[in-house]
Structures are given as C-alpha cells and as structure tokens.
C-alpha cells in the first residue's frame, strides 16, 4: 500500500503486521511500524507508525512519530481530552 503523507509517498508493505489496540469499550485502532523516506518532513525523528481504524482497514491511514504517539497517550492518561469526546 502506498499512501501520501505530507506530500511524500510512504510505503506500507502488503504483509505488514498490524497490531490492534483497544480501550476495552469496542473502539479499536490498528498500528504498524513504517519507515519514512528521506524526503519526508519527519524523517530522522525516530521511529514512525501508521494508524488506521480497525473497522475500516481500507480507509485513511495516518502517520505519527513514536514521540507523537507517546505524547498523545500521556494526554489521554492525564485527562487532557476530557469533554472533547
């Protein structure tokens, strides 16, 4: 699968191993590690992951660096998004 992210093609291999993460309430996302090409704006910022809705595996895919995922997770744990959803 090739997706465009920030104007750059990112390749997700067809045999990528997507891992499912759930909050226990039925809302799941799938994540898999990806390599960012050298011309990607986030290249060189450590590892990156592709994230998709587990109920729509052929739908949109978002790309995040590891630090972005950790920062978001800490925000959830700290209640930073209370009242937004």
Protein backbone atom coordinates (compact mmCIF):
# COMPACT_ATOMS: atom_id res chain seq x y z
CA UNK A 1 0.00 0.00 0.00
CA UNK A 2 1.28 3.45 -0.86
CA UNK A 3 -0.16 6.43 0.96
CA UNK A 4 0.62 10.08 0.53
CA UNK A 5 1.62 11.80 3.75
CA UNK A 6 2.76 15.42 3.77
CA UNK A 7 3.19 15.23 0.01
CA UNK A 8 5.52 12.23 0.17
CA UNK A 9 4.78 8.60 -0.72
CA UNK A 10 5.05 6.26 2.28
CA UNK A 11 5.06 2.54 1.55
CA UNK A 12 3.28 0.13 3.87
CA UNK A 13 4.15 -3.42 2.81
CA UNK A 14 1.23 -5.70 1.94
CA UNK A 15 2.47 -8.15 4.56
CA UNK A 16 2.69 -5.50 7.31
CA UNK A 17 1.76 -6.87 10.72
CA UNK A 18 -0.94 -4.57 12.04
CA UNK A 19 -1.42 -4.70 15.82
CA UNK A 20 -4.82 -3.97 17.29
CA UNK A 21 -5.15 -1.68 20.29
CA UNK A 22 -8.41 -1.24 22.17
CA UNK A 23 -9.70 0.76 25.09
CA UNK A 24 -11.88 -2.15 26.18
CA UNK A 25 -15.02 -0.36 25.05
CA UNK A 26 -15.04 -1.63 21.49
CA UNK A 27 -13.11 1.27 19.96
CA UNK A 28 -10.02 -0.12 18.25
CA UNK A 29 -7.18 1.14 16.12
CA UNK A 30 -4.56 -0.83 14.22
CA UNK A 31 -0.91 0.25 14.17
CA UNK A 32 2.17 -0.94 12.29
CA UNK A 33 5.73 0.40 12.15
CA UNK A 34 6.73 2.24 8.97
CA UNK A 35 9.94 3.62 7.54
CA UNK A 36 9.77 7.20 6.40
CA UNK A 37 11.58 8.03 3.16
CA UNK A 38 14.47 10.53 3.37
CA UNK A 39 12.41 13.30 1.74
CA UNK A 40 9.60 13.06 4.35
CA UNK A 41 9.50 16.10 6.69
CA UNK A 42 9.53 13.82 9.76
CA UNK A 43 12.41 11.63 8.54
CA UNK A 44 15.14 11.42 11.16
CA UNK A 45 12.79 11.93 14.11
CA UNK A 46 12.94 8.31 15.24
CA UNK A 47 10.53 5.51 14.58
CA UNK A 48 7.14 6.08 12.99
CA UNK A 49 3.85 4.20 12.93
CA UNK A 50 0.87 4.01 10.61
CA UNK A 51 -2.52 4.12 12.34
CA UNK A 52 -5.93 3.15 10.93
CA UNK A 53 -9.47 2.48 12.12
CA UNK A 54 -9.75 -1.27 12.75
CA UNK A 55 -13.31 -1.25 11.41
CA UNK A 56 -12.19 0.37 8.14
CA UNK A 57 -8.83 -1.23 7.20
CA UNK A 58 -9.05 0.10 3.65
CA UNK A 59 -9.81 3.62 4.84
CA UNK A 60 -7.49 6.52 5.67
CA UNK A 61 -4.12 5.88 7.29
CA UNK A 62 -2.36 8.42 9.48
CA UNK A 63 1.40 8.56 10.12
CA UNK A 64 2.84 9.54 13.50
CA UNK A 65 6.32 9.51 15.00
CA UNK A 66 6.84 7.48 18.15
CA UNK A 67 7.15 10.63 20.23
CA UNK A 68 3.82 11.93 18.88
CA UNK A 69 2.10 8.67 19.85
CA UNK A 70 3.63 8.73 23.34
CA UNK A 71 2.67 12.40 23.82
CA UNK A 72 -0.93 11.67 22.77
CA UNK A 73 -1.09 8.64 25.09
CA UNK A 74 0.11 10.71 28.03
CA UNK A 75 -2.53 13.31 27.22
CA UNK A 76 -5.24 10.67 27.36
CA UNK A 77 -3.92 9.33 30.68
CA UNK A 78 -3.73 12.85 32.12
CA UNK A 79 -7.30 13.69 31.07
CA UNK A 80 -6.25 16.39 28.60
CA UNK A 81 -9.11 15.49 26.26
CA UNK A 82 -11.92 15.31 28.81
CA UNK A 83 -15.07 16.86 27.41
CA UNK A 84 -13.87 16.78 23.82
CA UNK A 85 -15.32 13.38 23.01
